[in-house]
Amino acid sequence: MAIAIGRRLAQAREDRGISQSGLARALGVSRGAVGQWETGQTSPATENLSQAAIELTVAFDWLATGRGTKAPPDPYQPPAGPRRLQQVPVLSWVSAGKLADAGSQIPVEDVPLLAFADLGRGDFFALKVRGDSMDRLSPEGSVIVVNRADRALVTGKAYVFCVRGETTFKLWHADPPYLAPYSTNPANQPIFIKRKSDFDVIGRVRRTVLDL
């Protein structure tokens, strides 16, 4: 199992033209650790494997198990099947921060609405992305659709958080806990979490849309 994961990891890394040292820096581990993973001497932790899938632009399931397709799901591709439109209010980043309280309600009268297909069950709202901290997934000016009813944290998935009153869009990582940017700009740095009281989960990002 470890050898097979290591081979896929090495293949994906070489396909991307990334050195072991480069991948190690991105994951916050030593180059020796990456070498041991690739030779099957040790197995990467789930959090490291999830982050590696993001850095190497491959599907986590393929990297971990060899099943499915190597390419990650296209976040811009709507799901197949019957299409059901849902009206989703477009909020500001400021009003989104108020949703950190599970009992809070934001009035939607006179709030712009956008229609999205096949979102499934949930309590959805949309935000227009500001800044470039997640531009590898959602460039500035794109729209993200957030499910307020889904706050269960999964490593490597994207969420909107409220950190000390400020709303931010980041990937979640659990060990150690931090909010990770997914950016082409190296100036964007992770936000490390010291206490659970330091942040609230507003909701999981279920879709990102960009008009060209």
N, C-alpha and C. Protein backbone atom coordinates (compact mmCIF):
# COMPACT_ATOMS: atom_id res chain seq x y z
N MET A 1 0.84 -1.20 0.00
CA MET A 1 0.00 0.00 0.00
C MET A 1 0.87 1.26 0.00
N ALA A 2 1.84 1.32 0.95
CA ALA A 2 2.70 2.50 1.04
C ALA A 2 3.53 2.67 -0.23
N ILE A 3 4.01 1.54 -0.79
CA ILE A 3 4.81 1.63 -2.01
C ILE A 3 3.97 2.16 -3.16
N ALA A 4 2.71 1.70 -3.26
CA ALA A 4 1.84 2.14 -4.35
C ALA A 4 1.54 3.63 -4.22
N ILE A 5 1.26 4.09 -3.00
CA ILE A 5 1.03 5.52 -2.78
C ILE A 5 2.27 6.31 -3.16
N GLY A 6 3.44 5.80 -2.75
CA GLY A 6 4.69 6.48 -3.05
C GLY A 6 4.94 6.61 -4.54
N ARG A 7 4.61 5.56 -5.29
CA ARG A 7 4.80 5.61 -6.73
C ARG A 7 3.90 6.65 -7.37
N ARG A 8 2.64 6.69 -6.93
CA ARG A 8 1.71 7.69 -7.48
C ARG A 8 2.15 9.10 -7.10
N LEU A 9 2.62 9.26 -5.88
CA LEU A 9 3.09 10.56 -5.43
C LEU A 9 4.27 11.03 -6.28
N ALA A 10 5.23 10.13 -6.51
CA ALA A 10 6.40 10.48 -7.32
C ALA A 10 5.99 10.80 -8.75
N GLN A 11 5.07 10.00 -9.29
CA GLN A 11 4.61 10.23 -10.66
C GLN A 11 3.96 11.60 -10.78
N ALA A 12 3.06 11.93 -9.84
CA ALA A 12 2.36 13.22 -9.89
C ALA A 12 3.34 14.37 -9.72
N ARG A 13 4.30 14.20 -8.82
CA ARG A 13 5.30 15.25 -8.58
C ARG A 13 6.14 15.50 -9.82
N GLU A 14 6.60 14.41 -10.45
CA GLU A 14 7.43 14.55 -11.65
C GLU A 14 6.63 15.13 -12.81
N ASP A 15 5.34 14.75 -12.93
CA ASP A 15 4.50 15.30 -13.99
C ASP A 15 4.36 16.81 -13.85
N ARG A 16 4.36 17.29 -12.61
CA ARG A 16 4.23 18.72 -12.35
C ARG A 16 5.56 19.45 -12.40
N GLY A 17 6.66 18.68 -12.53
CA GLY A 17 7.98 19.30 -12.56
C GLY A 17 8.40 19.89 -11.23
N ILE A 18 7.95 19.28 -10.14
CA ILE A 18 8.26 19.76 -8.79
C ILE A 18 9.28 18.82 -8.16
N SER A 19 10.31 19.38 -7.56
CA SER A 19 11.32 18.56 -6.90
C SER A 19 10.81 18.06 -5.56
N GLN A 20 11.50 17.07 -5.00
CA GLN A 20 11.14 16.61 -3.66
C GLN A 20 11.27 17.74 -2.65
N SER A 21 12.29 18.57 -2.81
CA SER A 21 12.48 19.70 -1.90
C SER A 21 11.34 20.70 -2.03
N GLY A 22 10.91 20.95 -3.27
CA GLY A 22 9.82 21.89 -3.49
C GLY A 22 8.52 21.41 -2.87
N LEU A 23 8.23 20.12 -3.03
CA LEU A 23 7.02 19.57 -2.44
C LEU A 23 7.12 19.59 -0.92
N ALA A 24 8.30 19.28 -0.41
CA ALA A 24 8.50 19.29 1.05
C ALA A 24 8.24 20.67 1.63
N ARG A 25 8.73 21.72 0.95
CA ARG A 25 8.50 23.08 1.43
C ARG A 25 7.02 23.42 1.43
N ALA A 26 6.31 23.00 0.37
CA ALA A 26 4.88 23.30 0.28
C ALA A 26 4.08 22.61 1.38
N LEU A 27 4.55 21.43 1.79
CA LEU A 27 3.83 20.66 2.81
C LEU A 27 4.32 20.93 4.22
N GLY A 28 5.45 21.63 4.34
CA GLY A 28 5.99 21.90 5.66
C GLY A 28 6.65 20.69 6.30
N VAL A 29 7.25 19.82 5.47
CA VAL A 29 7.95 18.64 5.97
C VAL A 29 9.37 18.65 5.41
N SER A 30 10.18 17.68 5.82
CA SER A 30 11.55 17.60 5.31
C SER A 30 11.58 16.90 3.95
N ARG A 31 12.65 17.16 3.18
CA ARG A 31 12.80 16.46 1.90
C ARG A 31 12.94 14.97 2.13
N GLY A 32 13.60 14.60 3.24
CA GLY A 32 13.75 13.19 3.55
C GLY A 32 12.42 12.49 3.76
N ALA A 33 11.46 13.21 4.36
CA ALA A 33 10.14 12.62 4.57
C ALA A 33 9.47 12.30 3.24
N VAL A 34 9.57 13.23 2.28
CA VAL A 34 8.98 13.00 0.96
C VAL A 34 9.68 11.82 0.28
N GLY A 35 11.00 11.74 0.42
CA GLY A 35 11.74 10.62 -0.16
C GLY A 35 11.30 9.28 0.43
N GLN A 36 11.07 9.26 1.73
CA GLN A 36 10.62 8.01 2.38
C GLN A 36 9.22 7.63 1.94
N TRP A 37 8.35 8.63 1.74
CA TRP A 37 7.01 8.32 1.24
C TRP A 37 7.09 7.69 -0.14
N GLU A 38 7.92 8.29 -1.01
CA GLU A 38 7.96 7.84 -2.40
C GLU A 38 8.59 6.46 -2.55
N THR A 39 9.47 6.09 -1.63
CA THR A 39 10.07 4.76 -1.69
C THR A 39 9.30 3.73 -0.87
N GLY A 40 8.22 4.17 -0.22
CA GLY A 40 7.38 3.25 0.55
C GLY A 40 7.91 2.91 1.92
N GLN A 41 8.95 3.61 2.37
CA GLN A 41 9.48 3.34 3.70
C GLN A 41 8.51 3.77 4.79
N THR A 42 7.81 4.88 4.56
CA THR A 42 6.78 5.36 5.48
C THR A 42 5.58 5.82 4.66
N SER A 43 4.45 6.00 5.33
CA SER A 43 3.24 6.48 4.67
C SER A 43 2.93 7.90 5.14
N PRO A 44 2.55 8.79 4.25
CA PRO A 44 2.20 10.15 4.67
C PRO A 44 0.91 10.16 5.46
N ALA A 45 0.81 11.07 6.42
CA ALA A 45 -0.45 11.27 7.13
C ALA A 45 -1.51 11.74 6.15
N THR A 46 -2.77 11.52 6.50
CA THR A 46 -3.87 11.90 5.62
C THR A 46 -3.81 13.39 5.29
N GLU A 47 -3.49 14.22 6.29
CA GLU A 47 -3.42 15.66 6.06
C GLU A 47 -2.34 16.00 5.03
N ASN A 48 -1.18 15.34 5.14
CA ASN A 48 -0.10 15.58 4.18
C ASN A 48 -0.49 15.11 2.78
N LEU A 49 -1.15 13.98 2.71
CA LEU A 49 -1.56 13.44 1.41
C LEU A 49 -2.61 14.34 0.76
N SER A 50 -3.53 14.85 1.59
CA SER A 50 -4.56 15.75 1.07
C SER A 50 -3.94 17.03 0.53
N GLN A 51 -2.98 17.60 1.28
CA GLN A 51 -2.32 18.81 0.81
C GLN A 51 -1.48 18.53 -0.43
N ALA A 52 -0.84 17.36 -0.48
CA ALA A 52 -0.06 17.00 -1.66
C ALA A 52 -0.95 16.92 -2.90
N ALA A 53 -2.15 16.37 -2.74
CA ALA A 53 -3.08 16.29 -3.87
C ALA A 53 -3.41 17.68 -4.39
N ILE A 54 -3.58 18.64 -3.47
CA ILE A 54 -3.87 20.01 -3.86
C ILE A 54 -2.67 20.62 -4.58
N GLU A 55 -1.49 20.47 -3.99
CA GLU A 55 -0.28 21.06 -4.57
C GLU A 55 0.04 20.47 -5.94
N LEU A 56 -0.24 19.17 -6.13
CA LEU A 56 0.10 18.49 -7.37
C LEU A 56 -1.05 18.46 -8.37
N THR A 57 -2.19 19.02 -7.97
CA THR A 57 -3.38 19.10 -8.83
C THR A 57 -3.81 17.71 -9.32
N VAL A 58 -3.98 16.80 -8.37
CA VAL A 58 -4.51 15.48 -8.68
C VAL A 58 -5.64 15.17 -7.71
N ALA A 59 -6.44 14.18 -8.04
CA ALA A 59 -7.55 13.77 -7.18
C ALA A 59 -7.00 13.05 -5.95
N PHE A 60 -7.53 13.41 -4.78
CA PHE A 60 -7.08 12.77 -3.54
C PHE A 60 -7.34 11.26 -3.57
N ASP A 61 -8.53 10.84 -4.04
CA ASP A 61 -8.86 9.41 -4.06
C ASP A 61 -7.87 8.63 -4.93
N TRP A 62 -7.49 9.21 -6.08
CA TRP A 62 -6.51 8.53 -6.93
C TRP A 62 -5.17 8.42 -6.22
N LEU A 63 -4.73 9.51 -5.60
CA LEU A 63 -3.43 9.50 -4.93
C LEU A 63 -3.41 8.52 -3.76
N ALA A 64 -4.50 8.45 -3.02
CA ALA A 64 -4.54 7.60 -1.81
C ALA A 64 -4.81 6.14 -2.12
N THR A 65 -5.65 5.87 -3.14
CA THR A 65 -6.09 4.49 -3.37
C THR A 65 -5.81 3.97 -4.77
N GLY A 66 -5.56 4.87 -5.72
CA GLY A 66 -5.38 4.44 -7.11
C GLY A 66 -6.69 4.30 -7.86
N ARG A 67 -7.82 4.53 -7.16
CA ARG A 67 -9.12 4.40 -7.81
C ARG A 67 -9.54 5.73 -8.43
N GLY A 68 -10.43 5.63 -9.42
CA GLY A 68 -10.97 6.83 -10.03
C GLY A 68 -9.97 7.46 -11.00
N THR A 69 -10.28 8.70 -11.38
CA THR A 69 -9.44 9.41 -12.33
C THR A 69 -8.35 10.19 -11.60
N LYS A 70 -7.27 10.41 -12.30
CA LYS A 70 -6.16 11.15 -11.71
C LYS A 70 -6.47 12.63 -11.58
N ALA A 71 -7.21 13.17 -12.54
CA ALA A 71 -7.51 14.59 -12.53
C ALA A 71 -8.50 14.91 -11.42
N PRO A 72 -8.34 16.05 -10.74
CA PRO A 72 -9.28 16.43 -9.70
C PRO A 72 -10.60 16.84 -10.31
N PRO A 73 -11.70 16.83 -9.53
CA PRO A 73 -12.99 17.28 -10.06
C PRO A 73 -12.90 18.74 -10.49
N ASP A 74 -13.56 19.05 -11.58
CA ASP A 74 -13.60 20.42 -12.09
C ASP A 74 -14.61 21.21 -11.28
N PRO A 75 -14.16 22.20 -10.49
CA PRO A 75 -15.11 22.93 -9.66
C PRO A 75 -16.08 23.77 -10.47
N TYR A 76 -15.81 23.99 -11.76
CA TYR A 76 -16.69 24.79 -12.58
C TYR A 76 -17.71 23.94 -13.33
N GLN A 77 -17.60 22.63 -13.23
CA GLN A 77 -18.47 21.73 -13.97
C GLN A 77 -19.70 21.38 -13.12
N PRO A 78 -20.91 21.72 -13.56
CA PRO A 78 -22.09 21.37 -12.78
C PRO A 78 -22.32 19.87 -12.78
N PRO A 79 -22.92 19.32 -11.74
CA PRO A 79 -23.17 17.88 -11.67
C PRO A 79 -24.18 17.44 -12.71
N ALA A 80 -24.07 16.15 -13.10
CA ALA A 80 -24.98 15.60 -14.08
C ALA A 80 -26.32 15.30 -13.43
N GLY A 81 -27.35 15.07 -14.26
CA GLY A 81 -28.65 14.69 -13.74
C GLY A 81 -29.66 15.81 -13.92
N PRO A 82 -30.88 15.58 -13.37
CA PRO A 82 -31.93 16.60 -13.48
C PRO A 82 -31.46 17.92 -12.88
N ARG A 83 -31.80 19.02 -13.52
CA ARG A 83 -31.35 20.33 -13.07
C ARG A 83 -32.49 21.05 -12.35
N ARG A 84 -32.24 21.44 -11.11
CA ARG A 84 -33.22 22.18 -10.32
C ARG A 84 -32.59 23.49 -9.89
N LEU A 85 -33.22 24.61 -10.28
CA LEU A 85 -32.66 25.92 -9.96
C LEU A 85 -33.05 26.35 -8.56
N GLN A 86 -32.07 26.93 -7.85
CA GLN A 86 -32.32 27.49 -6.53
C GLN A 86 -31.88 28.94 -6.52
N GLN A 87 -32.70 29.79 -5.91
CA GLN A 87 -32.38 31.19 -5.77
C GLN A 87 -31.51 31.37 -4.53
N VAL A 88 -30.32 31.96 -4.71
CA VAL A 88 -29.35 32.10 -3.62
C VAL A 88 -29.05 33.57 -3.41
N PRO A 89 -29.21 34.08 -2.17
CA PRO A 89 -28.91 35.49 -1.92
C PRO A 89 -27.42 35.77 -1.98
N VAL A 90 -27.07 36.91 -2.55
CA VAL A 90 -25.67 37.33 -2.63
C VAL A 90 -25.41 38.33 -1.50
N LEU A 91 -24.58 37.93 -0.54
CA LEU A 91 -24.31 38.76 0.62
C LEU A 91 -22.95 39.44 0.49
N SER A 92 -22.69 40.39 1.36
CA SER A 92 -21.38 41.00 1.44
C SER A 92 -20.52 40.21 2.40
N TRP A 93 -19.20 40.40 2.34
CA TRP A 93 -18.32 39.73 3.28
C TRP A 93 -18.63 40.14 4.71
N VAL A 94 -19.06 41.39 4.91
CA VAL A 94 -19.38 41.86 6.26
C VAL A 94 -20.59 41.12 6.81
N SER A 95 -21.66 41.04 6.02
CA SER A 95 -22.85 40.35 6.50
C SER A 95 -22.60 38.86 6.66
N ALA A 96 -21.70 38.29 5.85
CA ALA A 96 -21.38 36.87 5.99
C ALA A 96 -20.78 36.58 7.36
N GLY A 97 -19.96 37.52 7.86
CA GLY A 97 -19.34 37.31 9.16
C GLY A 97 -20.37 37.16 10.26
N LYS A 98 -21.52 37.81 10.12
CA LYS A 98 -22.56 37.72 11.14
C LYS A 98 -23.17 36.33 11.19
N LEU A 99 -23.00 35.55 10.13
CA LEU A 99 -23.57 34.20 10.10
C LEU A 99 -22.77 33.21 10.93
N ALA A 100 -21.68 33.65 11.56
CA ALA A 100 -20.92 32.76 12.42
C ALA A 100 -21.78 32.26 13.57
N ASP A 101 -22.75 33.05 13.99
CA ASP A 101 -23.70 32.63 15.02
C ASP A 101 -24.76 31.78 14.35
N ALA A 102 -24.85 30.51 14.76
CA ALA A 102 -25.76 29.56 14.09
C ALA A 102 -27.20 30.04 14.15
N GLY A 103 -27.56 30.86 15.13
CA GLY A 103 -28.95 31.31 15.25
C GLY A 103 -29.23 32.61 14.54
N SER A 104 -28.23 33.20 13.92
CA SER A 104 -28.42 34.50 13.29
C SER A 104 -29.15 34.37 11.97
N GLN A 105 -29.82 35.41 11.59
CA GLN A 105 -30.51 35.45 10.31
C GLN A 105 -30.20 36.77 9.62
N ILE A 106 -29.90 36.72 8.35
CA ILE A 106 -29.65 37.92 7.55
C ILE A 106 -30.88 38.16 6.68
N PRO A 107 -31.54 39.32 6.82
CA PRO A 107 -32.71 39.59 5.96
C PRO A 107 -32.31 39.54 4.49
N VAL A 108 -33.15 38.90 3.68
CA VAL A 108 -32.82 38.79 2.25
C VAL A 108 -33.69 39.69 1.39
N GLU A 109 -34.56 40.50 2.03
CA GLU A 109 -35.33 41.45 1.25
C GLU A 109 -34.37 42.44 0.58
N ASP A 110 -34.62 42.70 -0.69
CA ASP A 110 -33.82 43.64 -1.48
C ASP A 110 -32.37 43.19 -1.66
N VAL A 111 -32.04 41.93 -1.30
CA VAL A 111 -30.70 41.39 -1.53
C VAL A 111 -30.69 40.74 -2.92
N PRO A 112 -29.65 40.98 -3.73
CA PRO A 112 -29.60 40.35 -5.06
C PRO A 112 -29.65 38.83 -4.95
N LEU A 113 -30.29 38.20 -5.92
CA LEU A 113 -30.40 36.74 -5.95
C LEU A 113 -29.75 36.22 -7.23
N LEU A 114 -29.08 35.07 -7.10
CA LEU A 114 -28.54 34.36 -8.26
C LEU A 114 -29.14 32.97 -8.29
N ALA A 115 -29.34 32.43 -9.49
CA ALA A 115 -29.91 31.09 -9.65
C ALA A 115 -28.80 30.09 -9.93
N PHE A 116 -28.79 28.99 -9.17
CA PHE A 116 -27.81 27.92 -9.36
C PHE A 116 -28.56 26.60 -9.48
N ALA A 117 -28.01 25.71 -10.30
CA ALA A 117 -28.64 24.41 -10.52
C ALA A 117 -28.00 23.34 -9.66
N ASP A 118 -28.84 22.43 -9.16
CA ASP A 118 -28.39 21.18 -8.55
C ASP A 118 -27.45 21.38 -7.36
N LEU A 119 -27.79 22.27 -6.47
CA LEU A 119 -26.99 22.45 -5.26
C LEU A 119 -27.29 21.39 -4.21
N GLY A 120 -28.45 20.77 -4.31
CA GLY A 120 -28.82 19.80 -3.28
C GLY A 120 -29.40 20.49 -2.06
N ARG A 121 -29.47 19.75 -0.96
CA ARG A 121 -30.06 20.30 0.25
C ARG A 121 -29.06 21.17 0.98
N GLY A 122 -29.57 22.22 1.61
CA GLY A 122 -28.69 23.07 2.38
C GLY A 122 -29.28 24.45 2.57
N ASP A 123 -28.52 25.29 3.22
CA ASP A 123 -28.89 26.68 3.47
C ASP A 123 -27.79 27.52 2.79
N PHE A 124 -28.06 27.98 1.58
CA PHE A 124 -27.01 28.53 0.73
C PHE A 124 -27.05 30.05 0.66
N PHE A 125 -25.87 30.63 0.52
CA PHE A 125 -25.74 32.03 0.15
C PHE A 125 -24.48 32.15 -0.70
N ALA A 126 -24.37 33.26 -1.40
CA ALA A 126 -23.23 33.47 -2.31
C ALA A 126 -22.43 34.68 -1.88
N LEU A 127 -21.14 34.65 -2.17
CA LEU A 127 -20.22 35.75 -1.89
C LEU A 127 -19.36 36.00 -3.12
N LYS A 128 -19.05 37.25 -3.37
CA LYS A 128 -18.12 37.60 -4.43
C LYS A 128 -16.72 37.65 -3.84
N VAL A 129 -15.79 36.93 -4.45
CA VAL A 129 -14.44 36.77 -3.89
C VAL A 129 -13.66 38.07 -4.00
N ARG A 130 -13.01 38.42 -2.90
CA ARG A 130 -12.12 39.58 -2.85
C ARG A 130 -10.70 39.09 -2.57
N GLY A 131 -9.72 39.63 -3.28
CA GLY A 131 -8.34 39.27 -3.03
C GLY A 131 -7.91 38.02 -3.77
N ASP A 132 -6.63 37.65 -3.60
CA ASP A 132 -6.05 36.55 -4.38
C ASP A 132 -5.59 35.38 -3.51
N SER A 133 -6.04 35.30 -2.26
CA SER A 133 -5.54 34.24 -1.38
C SER A 133 -6.04 32.86 -1.79
N MET A 134 -7.09 32.78 -2.64
CA MET A 134 -7.61 31.49 -3.11
C MET A 134 -7.72 31.48 -4.63
N ASP A 135 -6.83 32.24 -5.31
CA ASP A 135 -7.02 32.43 -6.74
C ASP A 135 -6.75 31.20 -7.58
N ARG A 136 -6.12 30.17 -7.02
CA ARG A 136 -5.94 28.93 -7.78
C ARG A 136 -7.24 28.15 -7.87
N LEU A 137 -8.20 28.51 -7.05
CA LEU A 137 -9.52 27.87 -7.07
C LEU A 137 -10.59 28.87 -7.49
N SER A 138 -10.53 30.07 -6.90
CA SER A 138 -11.54 31.09 -7.14
C SER A 138 -10.87 32.45 -7.29
N PRO A 139 -10.62 32.89 -8.52
CA PRO A 139 -9.96 34.18 -8.72
C PRO A 139 -10.80 35.34 -8.18
N GLU A 140 -10.15 36.47 -7.94
CA GLU A 140 -10.87 37.65 -7.48
C GLU A 140 -11.96 38.01 -8.48
N GLY A 141 -13.15 38.30 -7.95
CA GLY A 141 -14.28 38.63 -8.80
C GLY A 141 -15.19 37.45 -9.08
N SER A 142 -14.73 36.22 -8.81
CA SER A 142 -15.59 35.05 -8.98
C SER A 142 -16.59 34.98 -7.83
N VAL A 143 -17.56 34.10 -7.96
CA VAL A 143 -18.60 33.95 -6.94
C VAL A 143 -18.50 32.56 -6.34
N ILE A 144 -18.54 32.49 -5.01
CA ILE A 144 -18.57 31.19 -4.35
C ILE A 144 -19.94 31.00 -3.70
N VAL A 145 -20.42 29.76 -3.73
CA VAL A 145 -21.69 29.41 -3.11
C VAL A 145 -21.38 28.62 -1.84
N VAL A 146 -21.89 29.10 -0.72
CA VAL A 146 -21.56 28.55 0.59
C VAL A 146 -22.79 27.88 1.19
N ASN A 147 -22.59 26.67 1.72
CA ASN A 147 -23.67 25.95 2.40
C ASN A 147 -23.53 26.17 3.91
N ARG A 148 -24.35 27.02 4.44
CA ARG A 148 -24.29 27.33 5.86
C ARG A 148 -24.66 26.13 6.73
N ALA A 149 -25.41 25.18 6.15
CA ALA A 149 -25.83 24.00 6.91
C ALA A 149 -24.74 22.95 7.02
N ASP A 150 -23.64 23.12 6.31
CA ASP A 150 -22.53 22.15 6.32
C ASP A 150 -21.32 22.81 6.98
N ARG A 151 -21.11 22.51 8.25
CA ARG A 151 -19.98 23.09 8.99
C ARG A 151 -19.02 22.03 9.49
N ALA A 152 -19.23 20.78 9.09
CA ALA A 152 -18.32 19.71 9.51
C ALA A 152 -17.00 19.87 8.76
N LEU A 153 -15.92 20.03 9.50
CA LEU A 153 -14.62 20.33 8.89
C LEU A 153 -13.96 19.07 8.34
N VAL A 154 -13.52 19.14 7.09
CA VAL A 154 -12.82 18.05 6.42
C VAL A 154 -11.52 18.64 5.87
N THR A 155 -10.41 18.01 6.20
CA THR A 155 -9.11 18.51 5.76
C THR A 155 -9.04 18.63 4.23
N GLY A 156 -8.53 19.76 3.77
CA GLY A 156 -8.36 19.97 2.35
C GLY A 156 -9.56 20.56 1.65
N LYS A 157 -10.69 20.73 2.36
CA LYS A 157 -11.89 21.31 1.76
C LYS A 157 -11.96 22.80 2.06
N ALA A 158 -12.71 23.51 1.22
CA ALA A 158 -12.78 24.97 1.32
C ALA A 158 -14.00 25.39 2.13
N TYR A 159 -13.79 26.39 2.98
CA TYR A 159 -14.85 26.92 3.84
C TYR A 159 -14.72 28.44 3.91
N VAL A 160 -15.80 29.06 4.36
CA VAL A 160 -15.74 30.45 4.77
C VAL A 160 -15.73 30.46 6.30
N PHE A 161 -14.75 31.16 6.85
CA PHE A 161 -14.58 31.23 8.30
C PHE A 161 -14.76 32.67 8.77
N CYS A 162 -15.05 32.80 10.05
CA CYS A 162 -15.01 34.09 10.71
C CYS A 162 -13.91 34.01 11.76
N VAL A 163 -12.83 34.77 11.56
CA VAL A 163 -11.68 34.74 12.46
C VAL A 163 -11.57 36.10 13.16
N ARG A 164 -11.87 36.09 14.45
CA ARG A 164 -11.83 37.33 15.23
C ARG A 164 -12.59 38.45 14.54
N GLY A 165 -13.79 38.11 14.07
CA GLY A 165 -14.67 39.10 13.47
C GLY A 165 -14.46 39.35 11.99
N GLU A 166 -13.40 38.78 11.41
CA GLU A 166 -13.10 38.98 9.99
C GLU A 166 -13.48 37.73 9.20
N THR A 167 -14.15 37.93 8.07
CA THR A 167 -14.56 36.81 7.22
C THR A 167 -13.45 36.46 6.25
N THR A 168 -13.17 35.16 6.10
CA THR A 168 -12.10 34.73 5.20
C THR A 168 -12.47 33.40 4.54
N PHE A 169 -11.99 33.20 3.33
CA PHE A 169 -12.22 32.01 2.51
C PHE A 169 -10.91 31.25 2.42
N LYS A 170 -10.87 30.03 2.99
CA LYS A 170 -9.62 29.29 3.05
C LYS A 170 -9.90 27.78 3.03
N LEU A 171 -8.83 26.98 2.87
CA LEU A 171 -8.89 25.53 3.04
C LEU A 171 -8.62 25.20 4.51
N TRP A 172 -9.26 24.13 4.99
CA TRP A 172 -9.07 23.71 6.37
C TRP A 172 -8.03 22.59 6.47
N HIS A 173 -7.15 22.70 7.45
CA HIS A 173 -6.23 21.63 7.78
C HIS A 173 -6.26 21.42 9.29
N ALA A 174 -6.23 20.14 9.69
CA ALA A 174 -6.55 19.82 11.08
C ALA A 174 -5.34 19.63 11.99
N ASP A 175 -4.20 19.19 11.48
CA ASP A 175 -3.12 18.80 12.37
C ASP A 175 -1.77 19.27 11.83
N PRO A 176 -1.27 20.42 12.35
CA PRO A 176 -1.91 21.32 13.31
C PRO A 176 -3.04 22.10 12.64
N PRO A 177 -3.97 22.64 13.44
CA PRO A 177 -5.11 23.35 12.84
C PRO A 177 -4.70 24.69 12.25
N TYR A 178 -4.98 24.86 10.96
CA TYR A 178 -4.73 26.15 10.32
C TYR A 178 -5.61 26.30 9.09
N LEU A 179 -5.78 27.56 8.68
CA LEU A 179 -6.54 27.89 7.49
C LEU A 179 -5.54 28.21 6.39
N ALA A 180 -5.62 27.45 5.29
CA ALA A 180 -4.58 27.53 4.27
C ALA A 180 -5.06 28.29 3.04
N PRO A 181 -4.25 29.22 2.55
CA PRO A 181 -4.55 29.83 1.25
C PRO A 181 -4.27 28.83 0.14
N TYR A 182 -4.81 29.09 -1.03
CA TYR A 182 -4.55 28.26 -2.21
C TYR A 182 -4.30 29.24 -3.35
N SER A 183 -3.09 29.81 -3.36
CA SER A 183 -2.84 31.02 -4.12
C SER A 183 -1.56 30.93 -4.94
N THR A 184 -1.54 31.71 -6.01
CA THR A 184 -0.32 31.88 -6.79
C THR A 184 0.58 32.96 -6.19
N ASN A 185 0.07 33.67 -5.19
CA ASN A 185 0.82 34.75 -4.54
C ASN A 185 1.44 34.24 -3.25
N PRO A 186 2.78 34.10 -3.18
CA PRO A 186 3.41 33.55 -1.98
C PRO A 186 3.27 34.45 -0.76
N ALA A 187 2.81 35.69 -0.95
CA ALA A 187 2.63 36.58 0.19
C ALA A 187 1.47 36.14 1.08
N ASN A 188 0.56 35.34 0.53
CA ASN A 188 -0.56 34.84 1.33
C ASN A 188 -0.09 33.71 2.22
N GLN A 189 -0.28 33.86 3.51
CA GLN A 189 0.22 32.92 4.50
C GLN A 189 -0.91 32.22 5.24
N PRO A 190 -0.66 31.00 5.76
CA PRO A 190 -1.68 30.31 6.55
C PRO A 190 -2.04 31.08 7.81
N ILE A 191 -3.25 30.85 8.29
CA ILE A 191 -3.69 31.40 9.56
C ILE A 191 -3.74 30.24 10.55
N PHE A 192 -2.84 30.23 11.52
CA PHE A 192 -2.79 29.14 12.48
C PHE A 192 -3.78 29.39 13.62
N ILE A 193 -4.44 28.32 14.04
CA ILE A 193 -5.48 28.40 15.05
C ILE A 193 -4.94 27.87 16.38
N LYS A 194 -4.96 28.71 17.40
CA LYS A 194 -4.48 28.29 18.72
C LYS A 194 -5.61 27.74 19.59
N ARG A 195 -6.78 28.36 19.51
CA ARG A 195 -7.92 27.95 20.33
C ARG A 195 -9.17 27.87 19.46
N LYS A 196 -10.08 26.97 19.82
CA LYS A 196 -11.33 26.85 19.06
C LYS A 196 -12.12 28.15 19.08
N SER A 197 -11.95 28.91 20.15
CA SER A 197 -12.69 30.17 20.26
C SER A 197 -12.17 31.24 19.32
N ASP A 198 -11.04 30.97 18.66
CA ASP A 198 -10.45 31.97 17.76
C ASP A 198 -11.19 32.08 16.43
N PHE A 199 -12.00 31.08 16.09
CA PHE A 199 -12.66 31.11 14.79
C PHE A 199 -14.01 30.42 14.83
N ASP A 200 -14.84 30.71 13.85
CA ASP A 200 -16.12 30.03 13.65
C ASP A 200 -16.20 29.60 12.19
N VAL A 201 -16.87 28.48 11.96
CA VAL A 201 -17.11 28.01 10.59
C VAL A 201 -18.46 28.58 10.14
N ILE A 202 -18.43 29.35 9.08
CA ILE A 202 -19.68 29.91 8.55
C ILE A 202 -20.35 28.89 7.64
N GLY A 203 -19.57 28.19 6.81
CA GLY A 203 -20.16 27.18 5.94
C GLY A 203 -19.13 26.68 4.94
N ARG A 204 -19.45 25.55 4.35
CA ARG A 204 -18.55 24.94 3.36
C ARG A 204 -18.84 25.49 1.97
N VAL A 205 -17.80 25.77 1.23
CA VAL A 205 -17.93 26.27 -0.14
C VAL A 205 -18.25 25.09 -1.05
N ARG A 206 -19.40 25.15 -1.70
CA ARG A 206 -19.85 24.03 -2.54
C ARG A 206 -19.65 24.28 -4.02
N ARG A 207 -19.51 25.55 -4.43
CA ARG A 207 -19.35 25.81 -5.85
C ARG A 207 -18.63 27.14 -6.04
N THR A 208 -17.88 27.23 -7.12
CA THR A 208 -17.25 28.50 -7.49
C THR A 208 -17.54 28.75 -8.95
N VAL A 209 -17.87 30.01 -9.27
CA VAL A 209 -18.31 30.37 -10.62
C VAL A 209 -17.57 31.64 -11.04
N LEU A 210 -17.12 31.66 -12.28
CA LEU A 210 -16.45 32.84 -12.82
C LEU A 210 -17.00 33.13 -14.21
N ASP A 211 -17.52 34.34 -14.37
CA ASP A 211 -17.97 34.79 -15.70
C ASP A 211 -16.75 35.32 -16.47
N LEU A 212 -16.58 34.86 -17.70
CA LEU A 212 -15.48 35.31 -18.55
C LEU A 212 -15.94 36.41 -19.50
